[in-house]
Amino acid sequence: MKTLKVEDIYPAGYETFSDVAERLPTFIEQVYNSRRLHSALGYRSPEEFETQLDQQAA
């Protein structure tokens, strides 16, 4: 979660919790899940990992 805080929460300077609740899902879907590499997923993004799983299942 440190990455999330450093890349979105702190720089955005949210005023209220409702600001965070409104913007955060967009950040997670557009940035965090599509571009960020995760060590638990073999240094792949969650999107890339899910795509590979779908291909293996087919």
PDB file of N, CA and C in Angstrom:
ATOM      1  N   MET A   1       0.801  -1.191   0.000  1.00  0.00           N
ATOM      2  CA  MET A   1       0.000   0.000   0.000  1.00  0.00           C
ATOM      3  C   MET A   1       0.853   1.269   0.000  1.00  0.00           C
ATOM      4  N   LYS A   2       2.134   1.129   0.314  1.00  0.00           N
ATOM      5  CA  LYS A   2       2.999   2.307   0.307  1.00  0.00           C
ATOM      6  C   LYS A   2       3.015   2.947  -1.080  1.00  0.00           C
ATOM      7  N   THR A   3       3.097   2.125  -2.113  1.00  0.00           N
ATOM      8  CA  THR A   3       3.113   2.646  -3.478  1.00  0.00           C
ATOM      9  C   THR A   3       1.853   3.435  -3.776  1.00  0.00           C
ATOM     10  N   LEU A   4       0.735   2.917  -3.375  1.00  0.00           N
ATOM     11  CA  LEU A   4      -0.539   3.593  -3.595  1.00  0.00           C
ATOM     12  C   LEU A   4      -0.541   4.964  -2.922  1.00  0.00           C
ATOM     13  N   LYS A   5      -0.072   5.015  -1.701  1.00  0.00           N
ATOM     14  CA  LYS A   5      -0.035   6.285  -0.978  1.00  0.00           C
ATOM     15  C   LYS A   5       0.915   7.273  -1.648  1.00  0.00           C
ATOM     16  N   VAL A   6       2.098   6.806  -2.012  1.00  0.00           N
ATOM     17  CA  VAL A   6       3.111   7.692  -2.589  1.00  0.00           C
ATOM     18  C   VAL A   6       2.717   8.157  -3.989  1.00  0.00           C
ATOM     19  N   GLU A   7       2.087   7.288  -4.791  1.00  0.00           N
ATOM     20  CA  GLU A   7       1.769   7.641  -6.166  1.00  0.00           C
ATOM     21  C   GLU A   7       0.432   8.354  -6.338  1.00  0.00           C
ATOM     22  N   ASP A   8      -0.481   8.217  -5.387  1.00  0.00           N
ATOM     23  CA  ASP A   8      -1.773   8.863  -5.580  1.00  0.00           C
ATOM     24  C   ASP A   8      -2.250   9.668  -4.374  1.00  0.00           C
ATOM     25  N   ILE A   9      -2.294   9.076  -3.223  1.00  0.00           N
ATOM     26  CA  ILE A   9      -2.896   9.736  -2.062  1.00  0.00           C
ATOM     27  C   ILE A   9      -2.152  11.023  -1.696  1.00  0.00           C
ATOM     28  N   TYR A  10      -0.848  10.941  -1.467  1.00  0.00           N
ATOM     29  CA  TYR A  10      -0.091  12.117  -1.042  1.00  0.00           C
ATOM     30  C   TYR A  10      -0.025  13.205  -2.117  1.00  0.00           C
ATOM     31  N   PRO A  11       0.314  12.875  -3.364  1.00  0.00           N
ATOM     32  CA  PRO A  11       0.408  13.945  -4.371  1.00  0.00           C
ATOM     33  C   PRO A  11      -0.930  14.619  -4.688  1.00  0.00           C
ATOM     34  N   ALA A  12      -2.022  13.876  -4.596  1.00  0.00           N
ATOM     35  CA  ALA A  12      -3.320  14.443  -4.964  1.00  0.00           C
ATOM     36  C   ALA A  12      -3.831  15.442  -3.931  1.00  0.00           C
ATOM     37  N   GLY A  13      -3.386  15.319  -2.701  1.00  0.00           N
ATOM     38  CA  GLY A  13      -3.810  16.250  -1.669  1.00  0.00           C
ATOM     39  C   GLY A  13      -5.307  16.259  -1.437  1.00  0.00           C
ATOM     40  N   TYR A  14      -5.883  15.087  -1.264  1.00  0.00           N
ATOM     41  CA  TYR A  14      -7.313  14.974  -1.039  1.00  0.00           C
ATOM     42  C   TYR A  14      -7.737  15.770   0.194  1.00  0.00           C
ATOM     43  N   GLU A  15      -8.901  16.380   0.109  1.00  0.00           N
ATOM     44  CA  GLU A  15      -9.427  17.174   1.204  1.00  0.00           C
ATOM     45  C   GLU A  15     -10.281  16.342   2.161  1.00  0.00           C
ATOM     46  N   THR A  16     -11.085  15.442   1.610  1.00  0.00           N
ATOM     47  CA  THR A  16     -12.009  14.662   2.441  1.00  0.00           C
ATOM     48  C   THR A  16     -11.940  13.186   2.067  1.00  0.00           C
ATOM     49  N   PHE A  17     -12.506  12.372   2.927  1.00  0.00           N
ATOM     50  CA  PHE A  17     -12.562  10.937   2.649  1.00  0.00           C
ATOM     51  C   PHE A  17     -13.402  10.661   1.410  1.00  0.00           C
ATOM     52  N   SER A  18     -14.448  11.428   1.193  1.00  0.00           N
ATOM     53  CA  SER A  18     -15.289  11.207   0.005  1.00  0.00           C
ATOM     54  C   SER A  18     -14.510  11.481  -1.281  1.00  0.00           C
ATOM     55  N   ASP A  19     -13.557  12.417  -1.248  1.00  0.00           N
ATOM     56  CA  ASP A  19     -12.682  12.647  -2.406  1.00  0.00           C
ATOM     57  C   ASP A  19     -11.871  11.395  -2.706  1.00  0.00           C
ATOM     58  N   VAL A  20     -11.334  10.804  -1.673  1.00  0.00           N
ATOM     59  CA  VAL A  20     -10.540   9.579  -1.826  1.00  0.00           C
ATOM     60  C   VAL A  20     -11.422   8.453  -2.350  1.00  0.00           C
ATOM     61  N   ALA A  21     -12.581   8.272  -1.757  1.00  0.00           N
ATOM     62  CA  ALA A  21     -13.484   7.193  -2.153  1.00  0.00           C
ATOM     63  C   ALA A  21     -13.934   7.337  -3.604  1.00  0.00           C
ATOM     64  N   GLU A  22     -14.021   8.547  -4.088  1.00  0.00           N
ATOM     65  CA  GLU A  22     -14.442   8.793  -5.463  1.00  0.00           C
ATOM     66  C   GLU A  22     -13.308   8.514  -6.460  1.00  0.00           C
ATOM     67  N   ARG A  23     -12.107   8.931  -6.153  1.00  0.00           N
ATOM     68  CA  ARG A  23     -10.983   8.856  -7.091  1.00  0.00           C
ATOM     69  C   ARG A  23     -10.211   7.550  -7.004  1.00  0.00           C
ATOM     70  N   LEU A  24     -10.117   6.955  -5.850  1.00  0.00           N
ATOM     71  CA  LEU A  24      -9.265   5.790  -5.645  1.00  0.00           C
ATOM     72  C   LEU A  24      -9.593   4.592  -6.540  1.00  0.00           C
ATOM     73  N   PRO A  25     -10.848   4.216  -6.723  1.00  0.00           N
ATOM     74  CA  PRO A  25     -11.120   3.074  -7.614  1.00  0.00           C
ATOM     75  C   PRO A  25     -10.603   3.285  -9.038  1.00  0.00           C
ATOM     76  N   THR A  26     -10.682   4.513  -9.521  1.00  0.00           N
ATOM     77  CA  THR A  26     -10.164   4.818 -10.854  1.00  0.00           C
ATOM     78  C   THR A  26      -8.655   4.636 -10.895  1.00  0.00           C
ATOM     79  N   PHE A  27      -7.957   5.137  -9.890  1.00  0.00           N
ATOM     80  CA  PHE A  27      -6.504   4.978  -9.834  1.00  0.00           C
ATOM     81  C   PHE A  27      -6.119   3.504  -9.806  1.00  0.00           C
ATOM     82  N   ILE A  28      -6.814   2.731  -8.995  1.00  0.00           N
ATOM     83  CA  ILE A  28      -6.479   1.310  -8.865  1.00  0.00           C
ATOM     84  C   ILE A  28      -6.663   0.594 -10.194  1.00  0.00           C
ATOM     85  N   GLU A  29      -7.754   0.838 -10.881  1.00  0.00           N
ATOM     86  CA  GLU A  29      -8.014   0.158 -12.147  1.00  0.00           C
ATOM     87  C   GLU A  29      -7.113   0.651 -13.275  1.00  0.00           C
ATOM     88  N   GLN A  30      -6.913   1.951 -13.395  1.00  0.00           N
ATOM     89  CA  GLN A  30      -6.168   2.504 -14.530  1.00  0.00           C
ATOM     90  C   GLN A  30      -4.663   2.474 -14.362  1.00  0.00           C
ATOM     91  N   VAL A  31      -4.186   2.586 -13.146  1.00  0.00           N
ATOM     92  CA  VAL A  31      -2.736   2.661 -12.933  1.00  0.00           C
ATOM     93  C   VAL A  31      -2.217   1.430 -12.201  1.00  0.00           C
ATOM     94  N   TYR A  32      -2.728   1.206 -11.008  1.00  0.00           N
ATOM     95  CA  TYR A  32      -2.159   0.185 -10.141  1.00  0.00           C
ATOM     96  C   TYR A  32      -2.287  -1.216 -10.733  1.00  0.00           C
ATOM     97  N   ASN A  33      -3.448  -1.580 -11.228  1.00  0.00           N
ATOM     98  CA  ASN A  33      -3.643  -2.928 -11.746  1.00  0.00           C
ATOM     99  C   ASN A  33      -3.147  -3.110 -13.174  1.00  0.00           C
ATOM    100  N   SER A  34      -2.998  -2.044 -13.908  1.00  0.00           N
ATOM    101  CA  SER A  34      -2.578  -2.207 -15.293  1.00  0.00           C
ATOM    102  C   SER A  34      -1.075  -2.047 -15.500  1.00  0.00           C
ATOM    103  N   ARG A  35      -0.418  -1.250 -14.679  1.00  0.00           N
ATOM    104  CA  ARG A  35       0.998  -0.961 -14.923  1.00  0.00           C
ATOM    105  C   ARG A  35       1.958  -1.406 -13.841  1.00  0.00           C
ATOM    106  N   ARG A  36       1.516  -1.445 -12.596  1.00  0.00           N
ATOM    107  CA  ARG A  36       2.419  -1.758 -11.495  1.00  0.00           C
ATOM    108  C   ARG A  36       2.796  -3.227 -11.505  1.00  0.00           C
ATOM    109  N   LEU A  37       4.066  -3.510 -11.320  1.00  0.00           N
ATOM    110  CA  LEU A  37       4.543  -4.889 -11.248  1.00  0.00           C
ATOM    111  C   LEU A  37       4.475  -5.358  -9.804  1.00  0.00           C
ATOM    112  N   HIS A  38       4.060  -6.607  -9.617  1.00  0.00           N
ATOM    113  CA  HIS A  38       3.901  -7.159  -8.283  1.00  0.00           C
ATOM    114  C   HIS A  38       4.788  -8.382  -8.130  1.00  0.00           C
ATOM    115  N   SER A  39       5.606  -8.403  -7.105  1.00  0.00           N
ATOM    116  CA  SER A  39       6.537  -9.512  -6.898  1.00  0.00           C
ATOM    117  C   SER A  39       5.807 -10.835  -6.690  1.00  0.00           C
ATOM    118  N   ALA A  40       4.647 -10.803  -6.040  1.00  0.00           N
ATOM    119  CA  ALA A  40       3.892 -12.034  -5.802  1.00  0.00           C
ATOM    120  C   ALA A  40       3.347 -12.637  -7.098  1.00  0.00           C
ATOM    121  N   LEU A  41       3.316 -11.850  -8.155  1.00  0.00           N
ATOM    122  CA  LEU A  41       2.811 -12.322  -9.446  1.00  0.00           C
ATOM    123  C   LEU A  41       3.947 -12.537 -10.439  1.00  0.00           C
ATOM    124  N   GLY A  42       5.146 -12.724  -9.936  1.00  0.00           N
ATOM    125  CA  GLY A  42       6.293 -12.934 -10.815  1.00  0.00           C
ATOM    126  C   GLY A  42       6.717 -11.668 -11.532  1.00  0.00           C
ATOM    127  N   TYR A  43       6.584 -10.537 -10.870  1.00  0.00           N
ATOM    128  CA  TYR A  43       6.938  -9.221 -11.414  1.00  0.00           C
ATOM    129  C   TYR A  43       6.182  -8.932 -12.706  1.00  0.00           C
ATOM    130  N   ARG A  44       4.890  -9.241 -12.663  1.00  0.00           N
ATOM    131  CA  ARG A  44       3.977  -8.905 -13.750  1.00  0.00           C
ATOM    132  C   ARG A  44       2.856  -8.061 -13.169  1.00  0.00           C
ATOM    133  N   SER A  45       2.193  -7.321 -14.034  1.00  0.00           N
ATOM    134  CA  SER A  45       1.036  -6.552 -13.574  1.00  0.00           C
ATOM    135  C   SER A  45      -0.133  -7.509 -13.371  1.00  0.00           C
ATOM    136  N   PRO A  46      -1.087  -7.146 -12.535  1.00  0.00           N
ATOM    137  CA  PRO A  46      -2.251  -8.004 -12.352  1.00  0.00           C
ATOM    138  C   PRO A  46      -2.988  -8.283 -13.660  1.00  0.00           C
ATOM    139  N   GLU A  47      -3.086  -7.286 -14.544  1.00  0.00           N
ATOM    140  CA  GLU A  47      -3.733  -7.506 -15.840  1.00  0.00           C
ATOM    141  C   GLU A  47      -2.989  -8.554 -16.649  1.00  0.00           C
ATOM    142  N   GLU A  48      -1.674  -8.429 -16.711  1.00  0.00           N
ATOM    143  CA  GLU A  48      -0.852  -9.382 -17.464  1.00  0.00           C
ATOM    144  C   GLU A  48      -0.986 -10.782 -16.874  1.00  0.00           C
ATOM    145  N   PHE A  49      -0.989 -10.877 -15.555  1.00  0.00           N
ATOM    146  CA  PHE A  49      -1.115 -12.154 -14.870  1.00  0.00           C
ATOM    147  C   PHE A  49      -2.457 -12.811 -15.189  1.00  0.00           C
ATOM    148  N   GLU A  50      -3.537 -12.041 -15.120  1.00  0.00           N
ATOM    149  CA  GLU A  50      -4.863 -12.578 -15.412  1.00  0.00           C
ATOM    150  C   GLU A  50      -4.989 -13.000 -16.870  1.00  0.00           C
ATOM    151  N   THR A  51      -4.413 -12.235 -17.773  1.00  0.00           N
ATOM    152  CA  THR A  51      -4.445 -12.592 -19.194  1.00  0.00           C
ATOM    153  C   THR A  51      -3.735 -13.913 -19.422  1.00  0.00           C
ATOM    154  N   GLN A  52      -2.593 -14.091 -18.791  1.00  0.00           N
ATOM    155  CA  GLN A  52      -1.850 -15.341 -18.933  1.00  0.00           C
ATOM    156  C   GLN A  52      -2.644 -16.518 -18.361  1.00  0.00           C
ATOM    157  N   LEU A  53      -3.295 -16.334 -17.244  1.00  0.00           N
ATOM    158  CA  LEU A  53      -4.122 -17.390 -16.651  1.00  0.00           C
ATOM    159  C   LEU A  53      -5.273 -17.775 -17.586  1.00  0.00           C
ATOM    160  N   ASP A  54      -5.916 -16.759 -18.180  1.00  0.00           N
ATOM    161  CA  ASP A  54      -7.007 -17.024 -19.119  1.00  0.00           C
ATOM    162  C   ASP A  54      -6.525 -17.815 -20.314  1.00  0.00           C
ATOM    163  N   GLN A  55      -5.344 -17.484 -20.825  1.00  0.00           N
ATOM    164  CA  GLN A  55      -4.793 -18.185 -21.981  1.00  0.00           C
ATOM    165  C   GLN A  55      -4.459 -19.626 -21.637  1.00  0.00           C
ATOM    166  N   GLN A  56      -3.936 -19.856 -20.436  1.00  0.00           N
ATOM    167  CA  GLN A  56      -3.608 -21.212 -20.014  1.00  0.00           C
ATOM    168  C   GLN A  56      -4.863 -22.060 -19.814  1.00  0.00           C
ATOM    169  N   ALA A  57      -5.937 -21.425 -19.354  1.00  0.00           N
ATOM    170  CA  ALA A  57      -7.174 -22.154 -19.109  1.00  0.00           C
ATOM    171  C   ALA A  57      -7.898 -22.516 -20.414  1.00  0.00           C
ATOM    172  N   ALA A  58      -7.653 -21.757 -21.450  1.00  0.00           N
ATOM    173  CA  ALA A  58      -8.351 -21.989 -22.730  1.00  0.00           C
ATOM    174  C   ALA A  58      -7.756 -23.123 -23.518  1.00  0.00           C
TER     175      ALA A  58
END
